[in-house]
């Protein structure tokens, strides 16, 4: 198995093609849509879930190489091995990112299991060796990382913007952000809520600004 290079892709407004119309293809298409992609799904037939989904372009046809035109990323999720092989070969020939579901040998990228907590994303991968184990680890992490982590990251993002506008010294600003990202602040969100934690963070930024005469 290859050793993959971890990366997060910005696919907003990028054409991403899913080949297949079943349940697996549906999950892949929705995930791409949630990341802001322009999702095009190619299949002669579609599951009931697809037919209820908005914001996805569904082309009721057989896969053809021209379906790849203008695409950034391709996912093949069909039960037809010949089609999957064709998608892999043709997408690779066009220099595209391509993933054939459950066939890591026909992929130049793989999709990890992900824990989503707002802007916080935790990805788990076994390099395609055992997706089942990656899913189990994801479930364990979901139990550990509750919704407060997403609230904490969102709050830190807001405070980072304020600190950048008020504190010009990069070193002092970094130390401040490390203080704001401390376990104590996370515990405060758990015990006192986001509003009280935001007040405390603003107080700390104000004290730092006053102390350094900004």
N, C-alpha and C. Protein backbone atom coordinates (compact mmCIF):
# COMPACT_ATOMS: atom_id res chain seq x y z
N UNK A 1 0.85 -1.19 0.00
CA UNK A 1 0.00 0.00 0.00
C UNK A 1 0.88 1.25 0.00
N UNK A 2 0.48 2.30 -0.75
CA UNK A 2 1.27 3.53 -0.74
C UNK A 2 1.11 4.27 0.58
N UNK A 3 2.09 5.10 0.89
CA UNK A 3 1.97 5.97 2.06
C UNK A 3 1.40 7.30 1.56
N UNK A 4 0.19 7.61 1.97
CA UNK A 4 -0.51 8.78 1.45
C UNK A 4 -0.05 10.06 2.15
N UNK A 5 -0.14 11.15 1.41
CA UNK A 5 0.16 12.47 1.95
C UNK A 5 -1.15 13.12 2.39
N UNK A 6 -1.34 13.37 3.69
CA UNK A 6 -2.61 13.93 4.16
C UNK A 6 -2.81 15.35 3.62
N UNK A 7 -4.04 15.63 3.18
CA UNK A 7 -4.32 16.95 2.62
C UNK A 7 -5.82 17.23 2.72
N UNK A 8 -6.16 18.52 2.90
CA UNK A 8 -7.55 18.94 2.85
C UNK A 8 -7.72 19.78 1.59
N UNK A 9 -8.72 19.48 0.78
CA UNK A 9 -8.92 20.15 -0.50
C UNK A 9 -10.06 21.18 -0.41
N UNK A 10 -9.84 22.32 -1.02
CA UNK A 10 -10.89 23.31 -1.19
C UNK A 10 -11.57 23.02 -2.53
N UNK A 11 -12.75 22.45 -2.49
CA UNK A 11 -13.46 22.11 -3.74
C UNK A 11 -14.71 22.97 -3.93
N UNK A 12 -14.76 24.10 -3.25
CA UNK A 12 -15.89 25.00 -3.43
C UNK A 12 -16.00 25.42 -4.90
N UNK A 13 -17.20 25.26 -5.43
CA UNK A 13 -17.51 25.66 -6.81
C UNK A 13 -16.73 24.87 -7.86
N UNK A 14 -16.12 23.76 -7.47
CA UNK A 14 -15.41 22.90 -8.41
C UNK A 14 -16.33 21.76 -8.85
N UNK A 15 -16.25 21.42 -10.13
CA UNK A 15 -17.04 20.30 -10.63
C UNK A 15 -16.45 18.99 -10.12
N UNK A 16 -17.26 18.22 -9.42
CA UNK A 16 -16.86 16.91 -8.93
C UNK A 16 -17.88 15.88 -9.44
N UNK A 17 -17.38 14.82 -10.04
CA UNK A 17 -18.24 13.83 -10.69
C UNK A 17 -18.30 12.55 -9.86
N UNK A 18 -19.50 12.07 -9.65
CA UNK A 18 -19.72 10.78 -9.01
C UNK A 18 -20.36 9.86 -10.05
N UNK A 19 -19.75 8.71 -10.28
CA UNK A 19 -20.28 7.73 -11.21
C UNK A 19 -20.96 6.63 -10.39
N UNK A 20 -22.27 6.51 -10.55
CA UNK A 20 -23.03 5.54 -9.76
C UNK A 20 -24.25 6.21 -9.17
N UNK A 21 -25.30 5.43 -8.98
CA UNK A 21 -26.55 6.01 -8.48
C UNK A 21 -27.12 5.31 -7.27
N UNK A 22 -26.31 4.48 -6.61
CA UNK A 22 -26.79 3.73 -5.44
C UNK A 22 -26.54 4.45 -4.13
N UNK A 23 -26.67 3.71 -3.03
CA UNK A 23 -26.55 4.30 -1.70
C UNK A 23 -25.16 4.84 -1.42
N UNK A 24 -24.13 4.09 -1.83
CA UNK A 24 -22.76 4.56 -1.59
C UNK A 24 -22.48 5.83 -2.38
N UNK A 25 -22.90 5.83 -3.64
CA UNK A 25 -22.72 7.02 -4.48
C UNK A 25 -23.46 8.21 -3.88
N UNK A 26 -24.62 7.95 -3.32
CA UNK A 26 -25.41 9.02 -2.70
C UNK A 26 -24.63 9.65 -1.54
N UNK A 27 -24.06 8.82 -0.68
CA UNK A 27 -23.31 9.35 0.47
C UNK A 27 -22.11 10.17 0.00
N UNK A 28 -21.44 9.70 -1.03
CA UNK A 28 -20.29 10.44 -1.56
C UNK A 28 -20.73 11.77 -2.15
N UNK A 29 -21.82 11.76 -2.88
CA UNK A 29 -22.31 12.98 -3.53
C UNK A 29 -22.72 14.03 -2.49
N UNK A 30 -23.41 13.59 -1.45
CA UNK A 30 -23.84 14.53 -0.40
C UNK A 30 -22.64 15.12 0.32
N UNK A 31 -21.64 14.29 0.59
CA UNK A 31 -20.43 14.78 1.25
C UNK A 31 -19.73 15.85 0.41
N UNK A 32 -19.66 15.62 -0.89
CA UNK A 32 -19.05 16.60 -1.79
C UNK A 32 -19.88 17.89 -1.82
N UNK A 33 -21.20 17.75 -1.85
CA UNK A 33 -22.07 18.92 -1.87
C UNK A 33 -21.89 19.75 -0.61
N UNK A 34 -21.78 19.08 0.54
CA UNK A 34 -21.60 19.78 1.81
C UNK A 34 -20.28 20.55 1.86
N UNK A 35 -19.31 20.10 1.05
CA UNK A 35 -18.02 20.81 0.97
C UNK A 35 -18.07 21.94 -0.06
N UNK A 36 -19.22 22.17 -0.66
CA UNK A 36 -19.38 23.29 -1.57
C UNK A 36 -19.12 22.99 -3.03
N UNK A 37 -18.95 21.72 -3.38
CA UNK A 37 -18.65 21.36 -4.77
C UNK A 37 -19.90 21.44 -5.64
N UNK A 38 -19.66 21.60 -6.94
CA UNK A 38 -20.72 21.46 -7.93
C UNK A 38 -20.75 19.98 -8.33
N UNK A 39 -21.69 19.25 -7.80
CA UNK A 39 -21.69 17.78 -7.91
C UNK A 39 -22.53 17.34 -9.10
N UNK A 40 -21.91 16.51 -9.94
CA UNK A 40 -22.59 15.91 -11.09
C UNK A 40 -22.54 14.40 -10.91
N UNK A 41 -23.70 13.76 -10.94
CA UNK A 41 -23.77 12.31 -10.75
C UNK A 41 -24.22 11.67 -12.05
N UNK A 42 -23.49 10.64 -12.48
CA UNK A 42 -23.75 9.94 -13.73
C UNK A 42 -24.25 8.53 -13.45
N UNK A 43 -25.45 8.21 -13.89
CA UNK A 43 -25.96 6.85 -13.69
C UNK A 43 -27.24 6.65 -14.51
N UNK A 44 -27.46 5.44 -15.02
CA UNK A 44 -28.73 5.17 -15.71
C UNK A 44 -29.91 5.19 -14.74
N UNK A 45 -29.66 4.88 -13.44
CA UNK A 45 -30.71 4.84 -12.44
C UNK A 45 -30.21 5.46 -11.15
N UNK A 46 -31.16 5.96 -10.34
CA UNK A 46 -30.81 6.60 -9.08
C UNK A 46 -31.66 6.05 -7.94
N UNK A 47 -31.07 5.98 -6.75
CA UNK A 47 -31.81 5.53 -5.57
C UNK A 47 -32.84 6.58 -5.17
N UNK A 48 -33.78 6.19 -4.32
CA UNK A 48 -34.82 7.10 -3.86
C UNK A 48 -34.23 8.31 -3.15
N UNK A 49 -33.15 8.11 -2.40
CA UNK A 49 -32.53 9.23 -1.69
C UNK A 49 -32.04 10.29 -2.67
N UNK A 50 -31.47 9.85 -3.76
CA UNK A 50 -31.00 10.80 -4.77
C UNK A 50 -32.15 11.66 -5.28
N UNK A 51 -33.27 11.05 -5.52
CA UNK A 51 -34.40 11.75 -6.13
C UNK A 51 -34.97 12.82 -5.19
N UNK A 52 -34.70 12.70 -3.89
CA UNK A 52 -35.17 13.69 -2.92
C UNK A 52 -34.14 14.77 -2.65
N UNK A 53 -32.93 14.59 -3.16
CA UNK A 53 -31.83 15.50 -2.85
C UNK A 53 -31.83 16.70 -3.80
N UNK A 54 -31.61 17.89 -3.24
CA UNK A 54 -31.52 19.11 -4.05
C UNK A 54 -30.06 19.55 -4.12
N UNK A 55 -29.75 20.33 -5.15
CA UNK A 55 -28.40 20.89 -5.26
C UNK A 55 -27.39 19.96 -5.89
N UNK A 56 -27.86 18.85 -6.48
CA UNK A 56 -26.98 17.90 -7.16
C UNK A 56 -27.50 17.71 -8.58
N UNK A 57 -26.62 17.78 -9.56
CA UNK A 57 -27.01 17.55 -10.96
C UNK A 57 -26.96 16.05 -11.24
N UNK A 58 -28.08 15.49 -11.66
CA UNK A 58 -28.15 14.05 -11.95
C UNK A 58 -28.37 13.84 -13.44
N UNK A 59 -27.43 13.16 -14.07
CA UNK A 59 -27.52 12.86 -15.49
C UNK A 59 -27.85 11.38 -15.65
N UNK A 60 -29.04 11.11 -16.13
CA UNK A 60 -29.49 9.73 -16.26
C UNK A 60 -28.96 9.15 -17.58
N UNK A 61 -27.75 8.63 -17.52
CA UNK A 61 -27.09 8.10 -18.71
C UNK A 61 -25.97 7.16 -18.28
N UNK A 62 -25.43 6.44 -19.26
CA UNK A 62 -24.26 5.62 -18.99
C UNK A 62 -23.02 6.50 -18.96
N UNK A 63 -22.03 6.05 -18.22
CA UNK A 63 -20.77 6.80 -18.12
C UNK A 63 -20.06 6.84 -19.47
N UNK A 64 -19.56 8.01 -19.83
CA UNK A 64 -18.71 8.19 -21.00
C UNK A 64 -17.54 9.09 -20.61
N UNK A 65 -16.43 8.95 -21.32
CA UNK A 65 -15.24 9.71 -20.96
C UNK A 65 -15.49 11.21 -20.97
N UNK A 66 -16.36 11.69 -21.84
CA UNK A 66 -16.62 13.13 -21.92
C UNK A 66 -17.27 13.67 -20.64
N UNK A 67 -17.79 12.77 -19.81
CA UNK A 67 -18.37 13.20 -18.53
C UNK A 67 -17.32 13.82 -17.61
N UNK A 68 -16.05 13.55 -17.90
CA UNK A 68 -14.97 14.03 -17.05
C UNK A 68 -14.56 15.47 -17.38
N UNK A 69 -15.05 16.01 -18.47
CA UNK A 69 -14.62 17.33 -18.91
C UNK A 69 -14.91 18.40 -17.86
N UNK A 70 -13.88 19.17 -17.53
CA UNK A 70 -14.03 20.26 -16.57
C UNK A 70 -14.04 19.85 -15.12
N UNK A 71 -13.86 18.56 -14.86
CA UNK A 71 -13.94 18.07 -13.48
C UNK A 71 -12.60 18.23 -12.76
N UNK A 72 -12.69 18.34 -11.45
CA UNK A 72 -11.51 18.39 -10.59
C UNK A 72 -11.27 17.05 -9.91
N UNK A 73 -12.36 16.37 -9.58
CA UNK A 73 -12.28 15.16 -8.76
C UNK A 73 -13.37 14.19 -9.22
N UNK A 74 -13.02 12.91 -9.23
CA UNK A 74 -13.94 11.86 -9.69
C UNK A 74 -14.05 10.76 -8.63
N UNK A 75 -15.27 10.33 -8.37
CA UNK A 75 -15.48 9.17 -7.52
C UNK A 75 -16.33 8.16 -8.29
N UNK A 76 -15.85 6.93 -8.38
CA UNK A 76 -16.62 5.85 -9.01
C UNK A 76 -17.17 4.96 -7.91
N UNK A 77 -18.48 4.81 -7.90
CA UNK A 77 -19.13 4.00 -6.87
C UNK A 77 -20.20 3.12 -7.51
N UNK A 78 -19.76 2.29 -8.45
CA UNK A 78 -20.69 1.38 -9.12
C UNK A 78 -20.34 -0.06 -8.75
N UNK A 79 -21.25 -0.96 -9.08
CA UNK A 79 -20.99 -2.39 -8.86
C UNK A 79 -20.41 -3.05 -10.10
N UNK A 80 -20.17 -2.25 -11.13
CA UNK A 80 -19.66 -2.75 -12.40
C UNK A 80 -18.14 -2.56 -12.44
N UNK A 81 -17.39 -3.65 -12.34
CA UNK A 81 -15.93 -3.56 -12.30
C UNK A 81 -15.35 -2.97 -13.58
N UNK A 82 -15.96 -3.27 -14.70
CA UNK A 82 -15.44 -2.73 -15.97
C UNK A 82 -15.60 -1.21 -16.02
N UNK A 83 -16.75 -0.71 -15.56
CA UNK A 83 -16.95 0.75 -15.52
C UNK A 83 -15.97 1.39 -14.56
N UNK A 84 -15.81 0.80 -13.40
CA UNK A 84 -14.87 1.35 -12.42
C UNK A 84 -13.46 1.42 -12.98
N UNK A 85 -13.06 0.37 -13.67
CA UNK A 85 -11.73 0.32 -14.29
C UNK A 85 -11.60 1.42 -15.35
N UNK A 86 -12.63 1.60 -16.14
CA UNK A 86 -12.61 2.64 -17.17
C UNK A 86 -12.48 4.03 -16.56
N UNK A 87 -13.26 4.28 -15.52
CA UNK A 87 -13.20 5.59 -14.84
C UNK A 87 -11.79 5.84 -14.34
N UNK A 88 -11.21 4.85 -13.70
CA UNK A 88 -9.84 4.98 -13.17
C UNK A 88 -8.85 5.31 -14.28
N UNK A 89 -8.88 4.54 -15.34
CA UNK A 89 -7.90 4.73 -16.42
C UNK A 89 -8.09 6.07 -17.13
N UNK A 90 -9.34 6.43 -17.41
CA UNK A 90 -9.59 7.66 -18.16
C UNK A 90 -9.37 8.90 -17.31
N UNK A 91 -9.76 8.84 -16.05
CA UNK A 91 -9.52 9.99 -15.17
C UNK A 91 -8.04 10.20 -14.94
N UNK A 92 -7.32 9.10 -14.77
CA UNK A 92 -5.87 9.23 -14.57
C UNK A 92 -5.20 9.78 -15.82
N UNK A 93 -5.69 9.38 -16.98
CA UNK A 93 -5.13 9.88 -18.23
C UNK A 93 -5.31 11.40 -18.37
N UNK A 94 -6.40 11.89 -17.78
CA UNK A 94 -6.67 13.33 -17.80
C UNK A 94 -6.00 14.07 -16.64
N UNK A 95 -5.26 13.35 -15.81
CA UNK A 95 -4.56 13.98 -14.69
C UNK A 95 -5.48 14.40 -13.57
N UNK A 96 -6.59 13.68 -13.38
CA UNK A 96 -7.58 14.05 -12.37
C UNK A 96 -7.41 13.24 -11.09
N UNK A 97 -7.93 13.79 -10.00
CA UNK A 97 -8.02 13.04 -8.76
C UNK A 97 -9.16 12.04 -8.90
N UNK A 98 -8.88 10.77 -8.62
CA UNK A 98 -9.90 9.74 -8.82
C UNK A 98 -9.87 8.73 -7.68
N UNK A 99 -11.07 8.34 -7.25
CA UNK A 99 -11.22 7.35 -6.20
C UNK A 99 -12.29 6.35 -6.63
N UNK A 100 -11.90 5.09 -6.67
CA UNK A 100 -12.87 4.02 -6.93
C UNK A 100 -13.16 3.36 -5.58
N UNK A 101 -14.39 3.47 -5.13
CA UNK A 101 -14.77 3.05 -3.78
C UNK A 101 -14.43 1.59 -3.53
N UNK A 102 -13.79 1.36 -2.39
CA UNK A 102 -13.42 0.01 -1.94
C UNK A 102 -12.40 -0.68 -2.84
N UNK A 103 -11.72 0.09 -3.69
CA UNK A 103 -10.64 -0.48 -4.50
C UNK A 103 -9.43 0.45 -4.44
N UNK A 104 -8.68 0.40 -3.35
CA UNK A 104 -7.57 1.34 -3.16
C UNK A 104 -6.52 1.28 -4.26
N UNK A 105 -6.45 0.14 -4.96
CA UNK A 105 -5.48 0.03 -6.06
C UNK A 105 -5.92 0.87 -7.26
N UNK A 106 -7.18 1.29 -7.26
CA UNK A 106 -7.71 2.14 -8.34
C UNK A 106 -8.01 3.54 -7.79
N UNK A 107 -7.11 4.06 -7.02
CA UNK A 107 -7.27 5.38 -6.41
C UNK A 107 -5.94 6.12 -6.41
N UNK A 108 -5.97 7.42 -6.68
CA UNK A 108 -4.79 8.23 -6.38
C UNK A 108 -5.06 9.16 -5.20
N UNK A 109 -6.25 8.99 -4.58
CA UNK A 109 -6.52 9.57 -3.27
C UNK A 109 -7.55 8.68 -2.59
N UNK A 110 -7.57 8.72 -1.28
CA UNK A 110 -8.57 7.97 -0.52
C UNK A 110 -9.28 8.94 0.41
N UNK A 111 -10.49 8.56 0.82
CA UNK A 111 -11.30 9.42 1.69
C UNK A 111 -11.26 8.84 3.10
N UNK A 112 -10.79 9.61 4.07
CA UNK A 112 -10.70 9.09 5.44
C UNK A 112 -12.05 9.10 6.14
N UNK A 113 -12.13 8.39 7.24
CA UNK A 113 -13.27 8.55 8.15
C UNK A 113 -13.06 9.88 8.88
N UNK A 114 -14.14 10.64 9.07
CA UNK A 114 -14.00 11.99 9.61
C UNK A 114 -14.96 12.23 10.77
N UNK A 115 -14.43 12.84 11.82
CA UNK A 115 -15.25 13.36 12.91
C UNK A 115 -15.42 14.86 12.66
N UNK A 116 -16.64 15.31 12.50
CA UNK A 116 -16.92 16.73 12.25
C UNK A 116 -17.53 17.37 13.49
N UNK A 117 -16.88 18.42 13.95
CA UNK A 117 -17.40 19.25 15.03
C UNK A 117 -17.26 20.71 14.58
N UNK A 118 -18.19 21.17 13.78
CA UNK A 118 -18.08 22.50 13.22
C UNK A 118 -16.87 22.60 12.31
N UNK A 119 -16.04 23.61 12.57
CA UNK A 119 -14.83 23.79 11.77
C UNK A 119 -13.73 22.79 12.14
N UNK A 120 -13.92 22.09 13.24
CA UNK A 120 -12.94 21.08 13.65
C UNK A 120 -13.23 19.78 12.92
N UNK A 121 -12.22 19.28 12.21
CA UNK A 121 -12.33 17.99 11.53
C UNK A 121 -11.17 17.11 11.95
N UNK A 122 -11.49 15.91 12.35
CA UNK A 122 -10.47 14.93 12.73
C UNK A 122 -10.57 13.76 11.76
N UNK A 123 -9.51 13.53 11.01
CA UNK A 123 -9.53 12.48 9.99
C UNK A 123 -8.76 11.25 10.45
N UNK A 124 -9.31 10.09 10.13
CA UNK A 124 -8.68 8.82 10.49
C UNK A 124 -8.53 7.99 9.22
N UNK A 125 -7.32 7.52 8.99
CA UNK A 125 -7.08 6.69 7.81
C UNK A 125 -6.15 5.54 8.16
N UNK A 126 -6.40 4.40 7.54
CA UNK A 126 -5.49 3.27 7.64
C UNK A 126 -4.79 3.04 6.30
N UNK A 127 -4.80 4.08 5.46
CA UNK A 127 -4.18 3.96 4.14
C UNK A 127 -4.89 2.98 3.23
N UNK A 128 -6.17 2.75 3.52
CA UNK A 128 -6.94 1.80 2.72
C UNK A 128 -6.82 0.36 3.19
N UNK A 129 -6.01 0.12 4.23
CA UNK A 129 -5.79 -1.25 4.69
C UNK A 129 -7.02 -1.83 5.39
N UNK A 130 -7.71 -0.99 6.18
CA UNK A 130 -8.89 -1.48 6.90
C UNK A 130 -9.87 -0.34 7.16
N UNK A 131 -10.73 -0.02 6.20
CA UNK A 131 -11.76 1.01 6.42
C UNK A 131 -12.65 0.71 7.62
N UNK A 132 -12.88 -0.57 7.91
CA UNK A 132 -13.73 -0.94 9.05
C UNK A 132 -13.10 -0.48 10.36
N UNK A 133 -11.79 -0.65 10.49
CA UNK A 133 -11.10 -0.22 11.71
C UNK A 133 -11.11 1.30 11.81
N UNK A 134 -10.94 1.99 10.67
CA UNK A 134 -10.99 3.46 10.67
C UNK A 134 -12.35 3.94 11.14
N UNK A 135 -13.42 3.27 10.71
CA UNK A 135 -14.76 3.65 11.15
C UNK A 135 -14.93 3.44 12.64
N UNK A 136 -14.37 2.34 13.16
CA UNK A 136 -14.49 2.09 14.59
C UNK A 136 -13.76 3.15 15.41
N UNK A 137 -12.58 3.54 14.94
CA UNK A 137 -11.85 4.60 15.63
C UNK A 137 -12.63 5.92 15.58
N UNK A 138 -13.27 6.18 14.44
CA UNK A 138 -14.07 7.40 14.32
C UNK A 138 -15.19 7.41 15.35
N UNK A 139 -15.84 6.29 15.53
CA UNK A 139 -16.93 6.20 16.50
C UNK A 139 -16.43 6.45 17.92
N UNK A 140 -15.25 5.94 18.23
CA UNK A 140 -14.67 6.17 19.55
C UNK A 140 -14.35 7.65 19.75
N UNK A 141 -13.81 8.29 18.72
CA UNK A 141 -13.47 9.71 18.82
C UNK A 141 -14.71 10.58 18.90
N UNK A 142 -15.79 10.18 18.22
CA UNK A 142 -17.04 10.93 18.29
C UNK A 142 -17.57 10.97 19.72
N UNK A 143 -17.35 9.91 20.47
CA UNK A 143 -17.79 9.88 21.86
C UNK A 143 -16.94 10.79 22.73
N UNK A 144 -15.67 10.96 22.35
CA UNK A 144 -14.75 11.77 23.16
C UNK A 144 -14.89 13.26 22.84
N UNK A 145 -14.98 13.60 21.56
CA UNK A 145 -15.02 15.00 21.14
C UNK A 145 -16.47 15.44 20.95
N UNK A 146 -17.00 16.08 21.97
CA UNK A 146 -18.39 16.52 21.94
C UNK A 146 -18.57 17.82 21.17
N UNK A 147 -19.80 18.35 21.11
CA UNK A 147 -20.09 19.56 20.35
C UNK A 147 -19.37 20.79 20.87
N UNK A 148 -18.94 20.77 22.13
CA UNK A 148 -18.22 21.92 22.67
C UNK A 148 -16.92 22.20 21.94
N UNK A 149 -16.34 21.18 21.32
CA UNK A 149 -15.10 21.38 20.57
C UNK A 149 -15.35 22.26 19.34
N UNK A 150 -16.48 22.05 18.68
CA UNK A 150 -16.82 22.90 17.54
C UNK A 150 -17.05 24.34 17.97
N UNK A 151 -17.75 24.53 19.10
CA UNK A 151 -17.99 25.87 19.63
C UNK A 151 -16.67 26.54 20.01
N UNK A 152 -15.76 25.77 20.56
CA UNK A 152 -14.46 26.30 20.99
C UNK A 152 -13.65 26.78 19.79
N UNK A 153 -13.61 25.98 18.72
CA UNK A 153 -12.86 26.36 17.53
C UNK A 153 -13.46 27.61 16.89
N UNK A 154 -14.78 27.68 16.84
CA UNK A 154 -15.44 28.86 16.26
C UNK A 154 -15.10 30.11 17.07
N UNK A 155 -15.09 29.98 18.39
CA UNK A 155 -14.76 31.11 19.25
C UNK A 155 -13.30 31.53 19.09
N UNK A 156 -12.41 30.56 18.99
CA UNK A 156 -10.99 30.87 18.79
C UNK A 156 -10.75 31.59 17.47
N UNK A 157 -11.51 31.22 16.45
CA UNK A 157 -11.39 31.89 15.16
C UNK A 157 -11.78 33.36 15.28
N UNK A 158 -12.85 33.62 16.01
CA UNK A 158 -13.30 35.00 16.22
C UNK A 158 -12.26 35.80 17.02
N UNK A 159 -11.72 35.19 18.07
CA UNK A 159 -10.73 35.87 18.91
C UNK A 159 -9.42 36.10 18.16
N UNK A 160 -9.08 35.17 17.26
CA UNK A 160 -7.86 35.33 16.46
C UNK A 160 -7.95 36.56 15.57
N UNK A 161 -9.12 36.78 14.98
CA UNK A 161 -9.31 37.95 14.14
C UNK A 161 -9.18 39.23 14.97
N UNK A 162 -9.75 39.23 16.17
CA UNK A 162 -9.66 40.41 17.02
C UNK A 162 -8.23 40.64 17.49
N UNK A 163 -7.54 39.57 17.83
CA UNK A 163 -6.15 39.72 18.29
C UNK A 163 -5.26 40.26 17.18
N UNK A 164 -5.50 39.83 15.96
CA UNK A 164 -4.69 40.31 14.83
C UNK A 164 -4.91 41.79 14.59
N UNK A 165 -6.12 42.28 14.85
CA UNK A 165 -6.40 43.70 14.63
C UNK A 165 -5.91 44.58 15.76
N UNK A 166 -5.65 43.99 16.93
CA UNK A 166 -5.29 44.79 18.10
C UNK A 166 -3.84 44.63 18.54
N UNK A 167 -3.23 43.51 18.21
CA UNK A 167 -1.86 43.22 18.69
C UNK A 167 -0.96 43.02 17.48
N UNK A 168 -0.06 43.96 17.26
CA UNK A 168 0.79 43.92 16.06
C UNK A 168 1.98 42.99 16.20
N UNK A 169 2.43 42.75 17.41
CA UNK A 169 3.59 41.90 17.64
C UNK A 169 3.20 40.43 17.45
N UNK A 170 3.77 39.78 16.43
CA UNK A 170 3.39 38.41 16.11
C UNK A 170 3.70 37.42 17.21
N UNK A 171 4.85 37.58 17.88
CA UNK A 171 5.24 36.65 18.95
C UNK A 171 4.28 36.74 20.13
N UNK A 172 3.96 37.99 20.53
CA UNK A 172 3.05 38.18 21.66
C UNK A 172 1.64 37.71 21.30
N UNK A 173 1.26 37.91 20.06
CA UNK A 173 -0.06 37.46 19.62
C UNK A 173 -0.15 35.92 19.65
N UNK A 174 0.92 35.27 19.26
CA UNK A 174 0.94 33.81 19.27
C UNK A 174 0.82 33.28 20.70
N UNK A 175 1.55 33.91 21.63
CA UNK A 175 1.48 33.49 23.03
C UNK A 175 0.07 33.70 23.59
N UNK A 176 -0.54 34.81 23.18
CA UNK A 176 -1.91 35.08 23.62
C UNK A 176 -2.86 34.00 23.12
N UNK A 177 -2.73 33.63 21.83
CA UNK A 177 -3.63 32.64 21.27
C UNK A 177 -3.41 31.27 21.92
N UNK A 178 -2.19 30.96 22.29
CA UNK A 178 -1.92 29.72 22.99
C UNK A 178 -2.62 29.70 24.35
N UNK A 179 -2.65 30.87 24.99
CA UNK A 179 -3.36 30.98 26.27
C UNK A 179 -4.86 30.81 26.07
N UNK A 180 -5.39 31.43 25.03
CA UNK A 180 -6.82 31.32 24.77
C UNK A 180 -7.22 29.89 24.37
N UNK A 181 -6.29 29.15 23.77
CA UNK A 181 -6.57 27.77 23.33
C UNK A 181 -6.28 26.74 24.42
N UNK A 182 -6.11 27.20 25.65
CA UNK A 182 -5.73 26.30 26.74
C UNK A 182 -6.88 25.39 27.16
N UNK A 183 -6.57 24.28 27.82
CA UNK A 183 -7.63 23.39 28.34
C UNK A 183 -8.57 24.10 29.30
N UNK A 184 -8.05 25.11 30.03
CA UNK A 184 -8.91 25.83 30.97
C UNK A 184 -10.06 26.53 30.24
N UNK A 185 -9.75 27.12 29.08
CA UNK A 185 -10.80 27.79 28.31
C UNK A 185 -11.82 26.78 27.77
N UNK A 186 -11.34 25.62 27.36
CA UNK A 186 -12.26 24.59 26.88
C UNK A 186 -13.15 24.11 28.02
N UNK A 187 -12.57 23.95 29.22
CA UNK A 187 -13.37 23.55 30.37
C UNK A 187 -14.41 24.61 30.71
N UNK A 188 -14.06 25.89 30.49
CA UNK A 188 -15.02 26.95 30.79
C UNK A 188 -16.23 26.86 29.87
N UNK A 189 -16.00 26.51 28.60
CA UNK A 189 -17.14 26.32 27.70
C UNK A 189 -18.04 25.22 28.23
N UNK A 190 -17.45 24.15 28.73
CA UNK A 190 -18.24 23.03 29.25
C UNK A 190 -19.05 23.43 30.47
N UNK A 191 -18.43 24.22 31.37
CA UNK A 191 -19.07 24.51 32.65
C UNK A 191 -19.90 25.79 32.65
N UNK A 192 -19.46 26.80 31.88
CA UNK A 192 -20.13 28.10 31.93
C UNK A 192 -20.76 28.52 30.60
N UNK A 193 -20.43 27.80 29.54
CA UNK A 193 -21.03 28.12 28.25
C UNK A 193 -20.18 29.04 27.40
N UNK A 194 -20.57 29.16 26.14
CA UNK A 194 -19.80 29.93 25.17
C UNK A 194 -19.79 31.42 25.48
N UNK A 195 -20.92 31.96 25.89
CA UNK A 195 -21.01 33.40 26.14
C UNK A 195 -20.04 33.85 27.23
N UNK A 196 -20.02 33.13 28.34
CA UNK A 196 -19.12 33.51 29.44
C UNK A 196 -17.66 33.32 29.03
N UNK A 197 -17.39 32.28 28.26
CA UNK A 197 -16.02 32.04 27.80
C UNK A 197 -15.57 33.16 26.87
N UNK A 198 -16.47 33.61 26.01
CA UNK A 198 -16.14 34.72 25.11
C UNK A 198 -15.83 35.99 25.90
N UNK A 199 -16.59 36.26 26.95
CA UNK A 199 -16.31 37.43 27.80
C UNK A 199 -14.92 37.33 28.41
N UNK A 200 -14.58 36.15 28.89
CA UNK A 200 -13.27 35.97 29.52
C UNK A 200 -12.15 36.13 28.50
N UNK A 201 -12.33 35.62 27.29
CA UNK A 201 -11.31 35.77 26.26
C UNK A 201 -11.14 37.23 25.86
N UNK A 202 -12.24 37.95 25.75
CA UNK A 202 -12.14 39.38 25.41
C UNK A 202 -11.42 40.15 26.52
N UNK A 203 -11.67 39.77 27.74
CA UNK A 203 -10.99 40.39 28.88
C UNK A 203 -9.49 40.16 28.80
N UNK A 204 -9.09 38.95 28.46
CA UNK A 204 -7.66 38.62 28.36
C UNK A 204 -7.02 39.41 27.23
N UNK A 205 -7.70 39.51 26.08
CA UNK A 205 -7.17 40.29 24.95
C UNK A 205 -7.03 41.76 25.34
N UNK A 206 -8.04 42.28 26.06
CA UNK A 206 -7.99 43.68 26.49
C UNK A 206 -6.84 43.93 27.43
N UNK A 207 -6.61 43.03 28.35
CA UNK A 207 -5.50 43.18 29.30
C UNK A 207 -4.16 43.16 28.57
N UNK A 208 -4.03 42.27 27.60
CA UNK A 208 -2.78 42.19 26.84
C UNK A 208 -2.57 43.46 26.01
N UNK A 209 -3.64 43.97 25.44
CA UNK A 209 -3.53 45.19 24.63
C UNK A 209 -3.12 46.39 25.49
N UNK A 210 -3.74 46.48 26.65
CA UNK A 210 -3.43 47.60 27.57
C UNK A 210 -2.02 47.49 28.12
N UNK A 211 -1.60 46.29 28.46
CA UNK A 211 -0.28 46.08 29.03
C UNK A 211 0.84 46.48 28.06
N UNK A 212 0.59 46.25 26.80
CA UNK A 212 1.63 46.53 25.81
C UNK A 212 1.43 47.85 25.09
N UNK A 213 0.41 48.61 25.50
CA UNK A 213 0.22 49.95 24.97
C UNK A 213 -0.18 50.02 23.51
N UNK A 214 -0.95 49.02 23.03
CA UNK A 214 -1.38 49.03 21.62
C UNK A 214 -2.54 50.01 21.44
